[in-house]
Amino acid sequence: MSEQSDRARQFMPFASLKGYYDMVRAQEKIIGAKKELSEYKASILSEKLNLVKKGIMIKIVYYKDDGYIKTEGMVSNIDHTMRTLTVIKEKIPFDDVYDISSEDIKIDEDR
């Protein structure tokens, strides 16, 4: 091998734990049926969604396929017309959101 290809190889990505990150993400999913929100919880969630802005960091629990997923990331888009929230690259319908929290969202839930 040439010196140039040896040099390029040292900068190639190395995944020492193949499959580990997929396994961790799978652990973040809670399998179960979709829960019906109480009227009170739905109104609190609606208020929180109205305060979400593009660029803030959030923690979100939402339903997808056969279970709930907990994730954390930056809001890359929020579309009130289409009723979707995009966290990084995951587009989440408002109707699938179970809980949302952020340092930027302050709501008194004990009223």
PDB file of N, CA and C in Angstrom:
ATOM      1  N   MET A   1       0.829  -1.176   0.000  1.00  0.00           N
ATOM      2  CA  MET A   1       0.000   0.000   0.000  1.00  0.00           C
ATOM      3  C   MET A   1       0.876   1.242   0.000  1.00  0.00           C
ATOM      4  N   SER A   2       0.312   2.253  -0.575  1.00  0.00           N
ATOM      5  CA  SER A   2       1.072   3.490  -0.635  1.00  0.00           C
ATOM      6  C   SER A   2       0.965   4.242   0.687  1.00  0.00           C
ATOM      7  N   GLU A   3       1.869   5.158   0.869  1.00  0.00           N
ATOM      8  CA  GLU A   3       1.877   5.970   2.094  1.00  0.00           C
ATOM      9  C   GLU A   3       0.607   6.805   2.181  1.00  0.00           C
ATOM     10  N   GLN A   4       0.112   7.258   1.014  1.00  0.00           N
ATOM     11  CA  GLN A   4      -1.087   8.091   1.001  1.00  0.00           C
ATOM     12  C   GLN A   4      -2.319   7.290   1.451  1.00  0.00           C
ATOM     13  N   SER A   5      -2.485   6.036   1.009  1.00  0.00           N
ATOM     14  CA  SER A   5      -3.649   5.252   1.420  1.00  0.00           C
ATOM     15  C   SER A   5      -3.556   4.867   2.895  1.00  0.00           C
ATOM     16  N   ASP A   6      -2.332   4.624   3.416  1.00  0.00           N
ATOM     17  CA  ASP A   6      -2.160   4.354   4.842  1.00  0.00           C
ATOM     18  C   ASP A   6      -2.575   5.564   5.661  1.00  0.00           C
ATOM     19  N   ARG A   7      -2.202   6.728   5.161  1.00  0.00           N
ATOM     20  CA  ARG A   7      -2.523   7.963   5.860  1.00  0.00           C
ATOM     21  C   ARG A   7      -4.043   8.191   5.858  1.00  0.00           C
ATOM     22  N   ALA A   8      -4.700   7.906   4.734  1.00  0.00           N
ATOM     23  CA  ALA A   8      -6.154   8.095   4.636  1.00  0.00           C
ATOM     24  C   ALA A   8      -6.882   7.113   5.554  1.00  0.00           C
ATOM     25  N   ARG A   9      -6.380   5.914   5.733  1.00  0.00           N
ATOM     26  CA  ARG A   9      -7.031   4.904   6.546  1.00  0.00           C
ATOM     27  C   ARG A   9      -7.117   5.329   8.017  1.00  0.00           C
ATOM     28  N   GLN A  10      -6.169   6.081   8.492  1.00  0.00           N
ATOM     29  CA  GLN A  10      -6.206   6.484   9.894  1.00  0.00           C
ATOM     30  C   GLN A  10      -7.363   7.422  10.207  1.00  0.00           C
ATOM     31  N   PHE A  11      -7.962   8.036   9.178  1.00  0.00           N
ATOM     32  CA  PHE A  11      -9.083   8.943   9.391  1.00  0.00           C
ATOM     33  C   PHE A  11     -10.433   8.299   9.085  1.00  0.00           C
ATOM     34  N   MET A  12     -10.438   7.020   8.731  1.00  0.00           N
ATOM     35  CA  MET A  12     -11.685   6.320   8.441  1.00  0.00           C
ATOM     36  C   MET A  12     -12.439   6.081   9.748  1.00  0.00           C
ATOM     37  N   PRO A  13     -13.779   6.122   9.699  1.00  0.00           N
ATOM     38  CA  PRO A  13     -14.549   5.883  10.924  1.00  0.00           C
ATOM     39  C   PRO A  13     -14.342   4.467  11.436  1.00  0.00           C
ATOM     40  N   PHE A  14     -14.364   4.322  12.736  1.00  0.00           N
ATOM     41  CA  PHE A  14     -14.172   3.021  13.349  1.00  0.00           C
ATOM     42  C   PHE A  14     -15.318   2.781  14.318  1.00  0.00           C
ATOM     43  N   ALA A  15     -16.044   1.717  14.097  1.00  0.00           N
ATOM     44  CA  ALA A  15     -17.165   1.370  14.976  1.00  0.00           C
ATOM     45  C   ALA A  15     -16.787   0.123  15.762  1.00  0.00           C
ATOM     46  N   SER A  16     -16.227   0.313  16.918  1.00  0.00           N
ATOM     47  CA  SER A  16     -15.778  -0.823  17.715  1.00  0.00           C
ATOM     48  C   SER A  16     -16.937  -1.613  18.306  1.00  0.00           C
ATOM     49  N   LEU A  17     -18.076  -0.961  18.451  1.00  0.00           N
ATOM     50  CA  LEU A  17     -19.239  -1.611  19.058  1.00  0.00           C
ATOM     51  C   LEU A  17     -20.373  -1.722  18.050  1.00  0.00           C
ATOM     52  N   LYS A  18     -20.154  -2.482  16.997  1.00  0.00           N
ATOM     53  CA  LYS A  18     -21.185  -2.612  15.967  1.00  0.00           C
ATOM     54  C   LYS A  18     -22.472  -3.142  16.571  1.00  0.00           C
ATOM     55  N   GLY A  19     -23.566  -2.467  16.272  1.00  0.00           N
ATOM     56  CA  GLY A  19     -24.875  -2.867  16.764  1.00  0.00           C
ATOM     57  C   GLY A  19     -25.219  -2.331  18.142  1.00  0.00           C
ATOM     58  N   TYR A  20     -24.243  -1.815  18.855  1.00  0.00           N
ATOM     59  CA  TYR A  20     -24.485  -1.331  20.218  1.00  0.00           C
ATOM     60  C   TYR A  20     -25.483  -0.170  20.228  1.00  0.00           C
ATOM     61  N   TYR A  21     -25.283   0.797  19.351  1.00  0.00           N
ATOM     62  CA  TYR A  21     -26.150   1.974  19.358  1.00  0.00           C
ATOM     63  C   TYR A  21     -27.575   1.626  18.929  1.00  0.00           C
ATOM     64  N   ASP A  22     -27.730   0.658  18.027  1.00  0.00           N
ATOM     65  CA  ASP A  22     -29.069   0.198  17.661  1.00  0.00           C
ATOM     66  C   ASP A  22     -29.742  -0.477  18.854  1.00  0.00           C
ATOM     67  N   MET A  23     -28.965  -1.243  19.607  1.00  0.00           N
ATOM     68  CA  MET A  23     -29.491  -1.919  20.780  1.00  0.00           C
ATOM     69  C   MET A  23     -29.930  -0.894  21.837  1.00  0.00           C
ATOM     70  N   VAL A  24     -29.145   0.156  22.033  1.00  0.00           N
ATOM     71  CA  VAL A  24     -29.496   1.190  23.008  1.00  0.00           C
ATOM     72  C   VAL A  24     -30.773   1.889  22.585  1.00  0.00           C
ATOM     73  N   ARG A  25     -30.899   2.200  21.313  1.00  0.00           N
ATOM     74  CA  ARG A  25     -32.120   2.858  20.830  1.00  0.00           C
ATOM     75  C   ARG A  25     -33.332   1.954  21.010  1.00  0.00           C
ATOM     76  N   ALA A  26     -33.155   0.656  20.809  1.00  0.00           N
ATOM     77  CA  ALA A  26     -34.263  -0.279  20.992  1.00  0.00           C
ATOM     78  C   ALA A  26     -34.709  -0.303  22.448  1.00  0.00           C
ATOM     79  N   GLN A  27     -33.791  -0.104  23.386  1.00  0.00           N
ATOM     80  CA  GLN A  27     -34.126  -0.088  24.803  1.00  0.00           C
ATOM     81  C   GLN A  27     -34.942   1.153  25.167  1.00  0.00           C
ATOM     82  N   GLU A  28     -34.856   2.198  24.353  1.00  0.00           N
ATOM     83  CA  GLU A  28     -35.589   3.426  24.627  1.00  0.00           C
ATOM     84  C   GLU A  28     -37.064   3.303  24.273  1.00  0.00           C
ATOM     85  N   LYS A  29     -37.444   2.214  23.627  1.00  0.00           N
ATOM     86  CA  LYS A  29     -38.825   2.025  23.200  1.00  0.00           C
ATOM     87  C   LYS A  29     -39.576   1.191  24.235  1.00  0.00           C
ATOM     88  N   ILE A  30     -40.738   1.684  24.643  1.00  0.00           N
ATOM     89  CA  ILE A  30     -41.583   0.988  25.604  1.00  0.00           C
ATOM     90  C   ILE A  30     -42.758   0.412  24.827  1.00  0.00           C
ATOM     91  N   ILE A  31     -42.774  -0.905  24.684  1.00  0.00           N
ATOM     92  CA  ILE A  31     -43.804  -1.585  23.899  1.00  0.00           C
ATOM     93  C   ILE A  31     -45.137  -1.539  24.646  1.00  0.00           C
ATOM     94  N   GLY A  32     -46.220  -1.253  23.915  1.00  0.00           N
ATOM     95  CA  GLY A  32     -47.546  -1.230  24.514  1.00  0.00           C
ATOM     96  C   GLY A  32     -48.540  -0.500  23.634  1.00  0.00           C
ATOM     97  N   ALA A  33     -49.794  -0.586  24.026  1.00  0.00           N
ATOM     98  CA  ALA A  33     -50.862   0.079  23.281  1.00  0.00           C
ATOM     99  C   ALA A  33     -50.822   1.585  23.536  1.00  0.00           C
ATOM    100  N   LYS A  34     -51.337   2.332  22.589  1.00  0.00           N
ATOM    101  CA  LYS A  34     -51.383   3.789  22.721  1.00  0.00           C
ATOM    102  C   LYS A  34     -52.362   4.174  23.824  1.00  0.00           C
ATOM    103  N   LYS A  35     -51.922   5.058  24.718  1.00  0.00           N
ATOM    104  CA  LYS A  35     -52.729   5.492  25.857  1.00  0.00           C
ATOM    105  C   LYS A  35     -53.597   6.685  25.473  1.00  0.00           C
ATOM    106  N   GLU A  36     -54.783   6.710  26.015  1.00  0.00           N
ATOM    107  CA  GLU A  36     -55.691   7.843  25.809  1.00  0.00           C
ATOM    108  C   GLU A  36     -55.378   8.897  26.864  1.00  0.00           C
ATOM    109  N   LEU A  37     -55.172  10.150  26.444  1.00  0.00           N
ATOM    110  CA  LEU A  37     -54.865  11.236  27.373  1.00  0.00           C
ATOM    111  C   LEU A  37     -56.145  11.743  28.031  1.00  0.00           C
ATOM    112  N   SER A  38     -56.042  12.090  29.308  1.00  0.00           N
ATOM    113  CA  SER A  38     -57.170  12.722  29.982  1.00  0.00           C
ATOM    114  C   SER A  38     -57.340  14.131  29.400  1.00  0.00           C
ATOM    115  N   GLU A  39     -58.490  14.708  29.617  1.00  0.00           N
ATOM    116  CA  GLU A  39     -58.749  16.056  29.106  1.00  0.00           C
ATOM    117  C   GLU A  39     -57.744  17.050  29.689  1.00  0.00           C
ATOM    118  N   TYR A  40     -57.443  16.897  30.984  1.00  0.00           N
ATOM    119  CA  TYR A  40     -56.495  17.778  31.658  1.00  0.00           C
ATOM    120  C   TYR A  40     -55.099  17.647  31.049  1.00  0.00           C
ATOM    121  N   LYS A  41     -54.627  16.395  30.912  1.00  0.00           N
ATOM    122  CA  LYS A  41     -53.280  16.157  30.360  1.00  0.00           C
ATOM    123  C   LYS A  41     -53.200  16.648  28.908  1.00  0.00           C
ATOM    124  N   ALA A  42     -54.273  16.470  28.155  1.00  0.00           N
ATOM    125  CA  ALA A  42     -54.306  16.937  26.763  1.00  0.00           C
ATOM    126  C   ALA A  42     -54.210  18.457  26.690  1.00  0.00           C
ATOM    127  N   SER A  43     -54.855  19.167  27.628  1.00  0.00           N
ATOM    128  CA  SER A  43     -54.788  20.635  27.607  1.00  0.00           C
ATOM    129  C   SER A  43     -53.391  21.125  27.982  1.00  0.00           C
ATOM    130  N   ILE A  44     -52.740  20.462  28.955  1.00  0.00           N
ATOM    131  CA  ILE A  44     -51.364  20.819  29.333  1.00  0.00           C
ATOM    132  C   ILE A  44     -50.431  20.580  28.148  1.00  0.00           C
ATOM    133  N   LEU A  45     -50.584  19.432  27.495  1.00  0.00           N
ATOM    134  CA  LEU A  45     -49.750  19.098  26.339  1.00  0.00           C
ATOM    135  C   LEU A  45     -49.950  20.104  25.214  1.00  0.00           C
ATOM    136  N   SER A  46     -51.178  20.533  24.998  1.00  0.00           N
ATOM    137  CA  SER A  46     -51.475  21.535  23.975  1.00  0.00           C
ATOM    138  C   SER A  46     -50.768  22.854  24.278  1.00  0.00           C
ATOM    139  N   GLU A  47     -50.785  23.262  25.552  1.00  0.00           N
ATOM    140  CA  GLU A  47     -50.090  24.486  25.945  1.00  0.00           C
ATOM    141  C   GLU A  47     -48.581  24.366  25.697  1.00  0.00           C
ATOM    142  N   LYS A  48     -48.031  23.213  26.050  1.00  0.00           N
ATOM    143  CA  LYS A  48     -46.599  22.988  25.840  1.00  0.00           C
ATOM    144  C   LYS A  48     -46.251  23.045  24.356  1.00  0.00           C
ATOM    145  N   LEU A  49     -47.066  22.403  23.515  1.00  0.00           N
ATOM    146  CA  LEU A  49     -46.805  22.408  22.070  1.00  0.00           C
ATOM    147  C   LEU A  49     -46.878  23.817  21.500  1.00  0.00           C
ATOM    148  N   ASN A  50     -47.729  24.660  22.066  1.00  0.00           N
ATOM    149  CA  ASN A  50     -47.813  26.048  21.609  1.00  0.00           C
ATOM    150  C   ASN A  50     -46.568  26.851  21.963  1.00  0.00           C
ATOM    151  N   LEU A  51     -45.823  26.409  22.971  1.00  0.00           N
ATOM    152  CA  LEU A  51     -44.606  27.111  23.400  1.00  0.00           C
ATOM    153  C   LEU A  51     -43.337  26.601  22.709  1.00  0.00           C
ATOM    154  N   VAL A  52     -43.446  25.468  22.031  1.00  0.00           N
ATOM    155  CA  VAL A  52     -42.277  24.902  21.348  1.00  0.00           C
ATOM    156  C   VAL A  52     -41.885  25.780  20.172  1.00  0.00           C
ATOM    157  N   LYS A  53     -40.603  26.067  20.078  1.00  0.00           N
ATOM    158  CA  LYS A  53     -40.058  26.883  18.988  1.00  0.00           C
ATOM    159  C   LYS A  53     -38.912  26.131  18.317  1.00  0.00           C
ATOM    160  N   LYS A  54     -38.703  26.437  17.084  1.00  0.00           N
ATOM    161  CA  LYS A  54     -37.598  25.854  16.334  1.00  0.00           C
ATOM    162  C   LYS A  54     -36.273  26.226  17.006  1.00  0.00           C
ATOM    163  N   GLY A  55     -35.404  25.235  17.165  1.00  0.00           N
ATOM    164  CA  GLY A  55     -34.076  25.480  17.707  1.00  0.00           C
ATOM    165  C   GLY A  55     -33.908  25.187  19.185  1.00  0.00           C
ATOM    166  N   ILE A  56     -35.017  24.881  19.903  1.00  0.00           N
ATOM    167  CA  ILE A  56     -34.859  24.566  21.328  1.00  0.00           C
ATOM    168  C   ILE A  56     -34.646  23.062  21.513  1.00  0.00           C
ATOM    169  N   MET A  57     -34.006  22.704  22.613  1.00  0.00           N
ATOM    170  CA  MET A  57     -33.800  21.301  22.960  1.00  0.00           C
ATOM    171  C   MET A  57     -34.998  20.825  23.768  1.00  0.00           C
ATOM    172  N   ILE A  58     -35.519  19.639  23.411  1.00  0.00           N
ATOM    173  CA  ILE A  58     -36.655  19.080  24.137  1.00  0.00           C
ATOM    174  C   ILE A  58     -36.424  17.604  24.437  1.00  0.00           C
ATOM    175  N   LYS A  59     -37.151  17.130  25.433  1.00  0.00           N
ATOM    176  CA  LYS A  59     -37.281  15.701  25.712  1.00  0.00           C
ATOM    177  C   LYS A  59     -38.719  15.381  25.368  1.00  0.00           C
ATOM    178  N   ILE A  60     -38.912  14.305  24.604  1.00  0.00           N
ATOM    179  CA  ILE A  60     -40.256  13.987  24.136  1.00  0.00           C
ATOM    180  C   ILE A  60     -40.518  12.495  24.233  1.00  0.00           C
ATOM    181  N   VAL A  61     -41.749  12.162  24.584  1.00  0.00           N
ATOM    182  CA  VAL A  61     -42.222  10.781  24.586  1.00  0.00           C
ATOM    183  C   VAL A  61     -43.359  10.746  23.582  1.00  0.00           C
ATOM    184  N   TYR A  62     -43.252   9.861  22.588  1.00  0.00           N
ATOM    185  CA  TYR A  62     -44.290   9.788  21.563  1.00  0.00           C
ATOM    186  C   TYR A  62     -44.520   8.345  21.141  1.00  0.00           C
ATOM    187  N   TYR A  63     -45.693   8.098  20.563  1.00  0.00           N
ATOM    188  CA  TYR A  63     -46.074   6.753  20.138  1.00  0.00           C
ATOM    189  C   TYR A  63     -45.711   6.554  18.677  1.00  0.00           C
ATOM    190  N   LYS A  64     -45.060   5.428  18.395  1.00  0.00           N
ATOM    191  CA  LYS A  64     -44.722   5.090  17.011  1.00  0.00           C
ATOM    192  C   LYS A  64     -44.802   3.582  16.855  1.00  0.00           C
ATOM    193  N   ASP A  65     -45.521   3.139  15.853  1.00  0.00           N
ATOM    194  CA  ASP A  65     -45.713   1.723  15.545  1.00  0.00           C
ATOM    195  C   ASP A  65     -46.365   0.996  16.720  1.00  0.00           C
ATOM    196  N   ASP A  66     -45.599   0.305  17.537  1.00  0.00           N
ATOM    197  CA  ASP A  66     -46.186  -0.523  18.594  1.00  0.00           C
ATOM    198  C   ASP A  66     -45.730  -0.143  19.999  1.00  0.00           C
ATOM    199  N   GLY A  67     -45.230   1.089  20.156  1.00  0.00           N
ATOM    200  CA  GLY A  67     -44.775   1.459  21.484  1.00  0.00           C
ATOM    201  C   GLY A  67     -44.385   2.925  21.592  1.00  0.00           C
ATOM    202  N   TYR A  68     -44.014   3.307  22.798  1.00  0.00           N
ATOM    203  CA  TYR A  68     -43.600   4.679  23.082  1.00  0.00           C
ATOM    204  C   TYR A  68     -42.090   4.807  22.982  1.00  0.00           C
ATOM    205  N   ILE A  69     -41.651   5.909  22.423  1.00  0.00           N
ATOM    206  CA  ILE A  69     -40.231   6.191  22.260  1.00  0.00           C
ATOM    207  C   ILE A  69     -39.897   7.450  23.043  1.00  0.00           C
ATOM    208  N   LYS A  70     -38.826   7.372  23.820  1.00  0.00           N
ATOM    209  CA  LYS A  70     -38.314   8.540  24.536  1.00  0.00           C
ATOM    210  C   LYS A  70     -37.084   9.015  23.788  1.00  0.00           C
ATOM    211  N   THR A  71     -37.062  10.286  23.475  1.00  0.00           N
ATOM    212  CA  THR A  71     -35.902  10.832  22.782  1.00  0.00           C
ATOM    213  C   THR A  71     -35.667  12.269  23.218  1.00  0.00           C
ATOM    214  N   GLU A  72     -34.503  12.743  22.899  1.00  0.00           N
ATOM    215  CA  GLU A  72     -34.117  14.108  23.241  1.00  0.00           C
ATOM    216  C   GLU A  72     -33.394  14.687  22.040  1.00  0.00           C
ATOM    217  N   GLY A  73     -33.684  15.929  21.704  1.00  0.00           N
ATOM    218  CA  GLY A  73     -33.011  16.555  20.580  1.00  0.00           C
ATOM    219  C   GLY A  73     -33.524  17.955  20.319  1.00  0.00           C
ATOM    220  N   MET A  74     -32.961  18.549  19.284  1.00  0.00           N
ATOM    221  CA  MET A  74     -33.327  19.910  18.919  1.00  0.00           C
ATOM    222  C   MET A  74     -34.514  19.899  17.958  1.00  0.00           C
ATOM    223  N   VAL A  75     -35.424  20.809  18.181  1.00  0.00           N
ATOM    224  CA  VAL A  75     -36.584  20.961  17.297  1.00  0.00           C
ATOM    225  C   VAL A  75     -36.088  21.593  16.000  1.00  0.00           C
ATOM    226  N   SER A  76     -36.215  20.855  14.898  1.00  0.00           N
ATOM    227  CA  SER A  76     -35.771  21.394  13.618  1.00  0.00           C
ATOM    228  C   SER A  76     -36.930  22.008  12.832  1.00  0.00           C
ATOM    229  N   ASN A  77     -38.173  21.675  13.227  1.00  0.00           N
ATOM    230  CA  ASN A  77     -39.329  22.282  12.568  1.00  0.00           C
ATOM    231  C   ASN A  77     -40.577  22.036  13.418  1.00  0.00           C
ATOM    232  N   ILE A  78     -41.490  22.981  13.388  1.00  0.00           N
ATOM    233  CA  ILE A  78     -42.807  22.790  13.996  1.00  0.00           C
ATOM    234  C   ILE A  78     -43.834  23.387  13.045  1.00  0.00           C
ATOM    235  N   ASP A  79     -44.818  22.585  12.679  1.00  0.00           N
ATOM    236  CA  ASP A  79     -45.826  22.988  11.700  1.00  0.00           C
ATOM    237  C   ASP A  79     -47.196  22.851  12.358  1.00  0.00           C
ATOM    238  N   HIS A  80     -47.756  23.984  12.784  1.00  0.00           N
ATOM    239  CA  HIS A  80     -49.054  23.959  13.467  1.00  0.00           C
ATOM    240  C   HIS A  80     -50.185  23.658  12.496  1.00  0.00           C
ATOM    241  N   THR A  81     -50.009  23.966  11.226  1.00  0.00           N
ATOM    242  CA  THR A  81     -51.040  23.681  10.224  1.00  0.00           C
ATOM    243  C   THR A  81     -51.154  22.175   9.981  1.00  0.00           C
ATOM    244  N   MET A  82     -50.012  21.529   9.782  1.00  0.00           N
ATOM    245  CA  MET A  82     -49.994  20.078   9.538  1.00  0.00           C
ATOM    246  C   MET A  82     -49.969  19.289  10.850  1.00  0.00           C
ATOM    247  N   ARG A  83     -49.853  20.007  11.970  1.00  0.00           N
ATOM    248  CA  ARG A  83     -49.825  19.409  13.304  1.00  0.00           C
ATOM    249  C   ARG A  83     -48.711  18.375  13.449  1.00  0.00           C
ATOM    250  N   THR A  84     -47.479  18.815  13.080  1.00  0.00           N
ATOM    251  CA  THR A  84     -46.310  17.948  13.225  1.00  0.00           C
ATOM    252  C   THR A  84     -45.165  18.718  13.878  1.00  0.00           C
ATOM    253  N   LEU A  85     -44.331  17.968  14.550  1.00  0.00           N
ATOM    254  CA  LEU A  85     -43.153  18.476  15.221  1.00  0.00           C
ATOM    255  C   LEU A  85     -41.988  17.628  14.732  1.00  0.00           C
ATOM    256  N   THR A  86     -40.913  18.258  14.286  1.00  0.00           N
ATOM    257  CA  THR A  86     -39.751  17.515  13.820  1.00  0.00           C
ATOM    258  C   THR A  86     -38.621  17.719  14.812  1.00  0.00           C
ATOM    259  N   VAL A  87     -38.173  16.603  15.395  1.00  0.00           N
ATOM    260  CA  VAL A  87     -37.042  16.609  16.314  1.00  0.00           C
ATOM    261  C   VAL A  87     -35.896  15.949  15.562  1.00  0.00           C
ATOM    262  N   ILE A  88     -34.874  16.742  15.281  1.00  0.00           N
ATOM    263  CA  ILE A  88     -33.759  16.365  14.421  1.00  0.00           C
ATOM    264  C   ILE A  88     -34.346  16.000  13.066  1.00  0.00           C
ATOM    265  N   LYS A  89     -34.469  14.716  12.734  1.00  0.00           N
ATOM    266  CA  LYS A  89     -35.051  14.338  11.441  1.00  0.00           C
ATOM    267  C   LYS A  89     -36.328  13.527  11.588  1.00  0.00           C
ATOM    268  N   GLU A  90     -36.788  13.321  12.816  1.00  0.00           N
ATOM    269  CA  GLU A  90     -37.984  12.512  13.073  1.00  0.00           C
ATOM    270  C   GLU A  90     -39.215  13.406  13.121  1.00  0.00           C
ATOM    271  N   LYS A  91     -40.137  13.210  12.161  1.00  0.00           N
ATOM    272  CA  LYS A  91     -41.381  13.984  12.121  1.00  0.00           C
ATOM    273  C   LYS A  91     -42.417  13.268  12.981  1.00  0.00           C
ATOM    274  N   ILE A  92     -42.946  13.999  13.964  1.00  0.00           N
ATOM    275  CA  ILE A  92     -43.853  13.413  14.950  1.00  0.00           C
ATOM    276  C   ILE A  92     -45.192  14.144  14.900  1.00  0.00           C
ATOM    277  N   PRO A  93     -46.276  13.428  14.602  1.00  0.00           N
ATOM    278  CA  PRO A  93     -47.600  14.060  14.634  1.00  0.00           C
ATOM    279  C   PRO A  93     -47.967  14.472  16.062  1.00  0.00           C
ATOM    280  N   PHE A  94     -48.619  15.626  16.215  1.00  0.00           N
ATOM    281  CA  PHE A  94     -49.042  16.092  17.534  1.00  0.00           C
ATOM    282  C   PHE A  94     -49.858  15.027  18.259  1.00  0.00           C
ATOM    283  N   ASP A  95     -50.711  14.301  17.520  1.00  0.00           N
ATOM    284  CA  ASP A  95     -51.595  13.307  18.132  1.00  0.00           C
ATOM    285  C   ASP A  95     -50.831  12.134  18.739  1.00  0.00           C
ATOM    286  N   ASP A  96     -49.569  11.941  18.356  1.00  0.00           N
ATOM    287  CA  ASP A  96     -48.765  10.839  18.889  1.00  0.00           C
ATOM    288  C   ASP A  96     -47.896  11.259  20.071  1.00  0.00           C
ATOM    289  N   VAL A  97     -47.855  12.555  20.385  1.00  0.00           N
ATOM    290  CA  VAL A  97     -47.033  13.045  21.497  1.00  0.00           C
ATOM    291  C   VAL A  97     -47.736  12.709  22.809  1.00  0.00           C
ATOM    292  N   TYR A  98     -46.987  12.103  23.727  1.00  0.00           N
ATOM    293  CA  TYR A  98     -47.521  11.771  25.048  1.00  0.00           C
ATOM    294  C   TYR A  98     -47.039  12.757  26.108  1.00  0.00           C
ATOM    295  N   ASP A  99     -45.779  13.164  25.992  1.00  0.00           N
ATOM    296  CA  ASP A  99     -45.233  14.133  26.943  1.00  0.00           C
ATOM    297  C   ASP A  99     -44.079  14.875  26.289  1.00  0.00           C
ATOM    298  N   ILE A 100     -43.874  16.090  26.746  1.00  0.00           N
ATOM    299  CA  ILE A 100     -42.799  16.918  26.212  1.00  0.00           C
ATOM    300  C   ILE A 100     -42.289  17.809  27.349  1.00  0.00           C
ATOM    301  N   SER A 101     -40.971  17.979  27.408  1.00  0.00           N
ATOM    302  CA  SER A 101     -40.404  18.861  28.425  1.00  0.00           C
ATOM    303  C   SER A 101     -39.167  19.543  27.872  1.00  0.00           C
ATOM    304  N   SER A 102     -38.857  20.692  28.462  1.00  0.00           N
ATOM    305  CA  SER A 102     -37.710  21.472  28.033  1.00  0.00           C
ATOM    306  C   SER A 102     -37.423  22.541  29.077  1.00  0.00           C
ATOM    307  N   GLU A 103     -36.186  22.974  29.112  1.00  0.00           N
ATOM    308  CA  GLU A 103     -35.825  24.103  29.966  1.00  0.00           C
ATOM    309  C   GLU A 103     -36.535  25.368  29.494  1.00  0.00           C
ATOM    310  N   ASP A 104     -36.874  25.424  28.194  1.00  0.00           N
ATOM    311  CA  ASP A 104     -37.503  26.611  27.600  1.00  0.00           C
ATOM    312  C   ASP A 104     -39.029  26.617  27.721  1.00  0.00           C
ATOM    313  N   ILE A 105     -39.600  25.502  28.197  1.00  0.00           N
ATOM    314  CA  ILE A 105     -41.051  25.407  28.306  1.00  0.00           C
ATOM    315  C   ILE A 105     -41.403  25.303  29.785  1.00  0.00           C
ATOM    316  N   LYS A 106     -42.019  26.346  30.297  1.00  0.00           N
ATOM    317  CA  LYS A 106     -42.405  26.375  31.715  1.00  0.00           C
ATOM    318  C   LYS A 106     -43.922  26.499  31.816  1.00  0.00           C
ATOM    319  N   ILE A 107     -44.548  25.452  32.341  1.00  0.00           N
ATOM    320  CA  ILE A 107     -45.992  25.445  32.542  1.00  0.00           C
ATOM    321  C   ILE A 107     -46.267  24.926  33.942  1.00  0.00           C
ATOM    322  N   ASP A 108     -47.153  25.579  34.670  1.00  0.00           N
ATOM    323  CA  ASP A 108     -47.538  25.107  35.991  1.00  0.00           C
ATOM    324  C   ASP A 108     -48.568  23.996  35.826  1.00  0.00           C
ATOM    325  N   GLU A 109     -48.135  22.748  36.022  1.00  0.00           N
ATOM    326  CA  GLU A 109     -49.022  21.606  35.829  1.00  0.00           C
ATOM    327  C   GLU A 109     -49.832  21.286  37.082  1.00  0.00           C
ATOM    328  N   ASP A 110     -49.596  21.990  38.162  1.00  0.00           N
ATOM    329  CA  ASP A 110     -50.287  21.710  39.425  1.00  0.00           C
ATOM    330  C   ASP A 110     -51.450  22.667  39.682  1.00  0.00           C
ATOM    331  N   ARG A 111     -51.981  23.235  38.646  1.00  0.00           N
ATOM    332  CA  ARG A 111     -53.073  24.203  38.854  1.00  0.00           C
ATOM    333  C   ARG A 111     -54.381  23.529  39.080  1.00  0.00           C
TER     334      ARG A 111
END
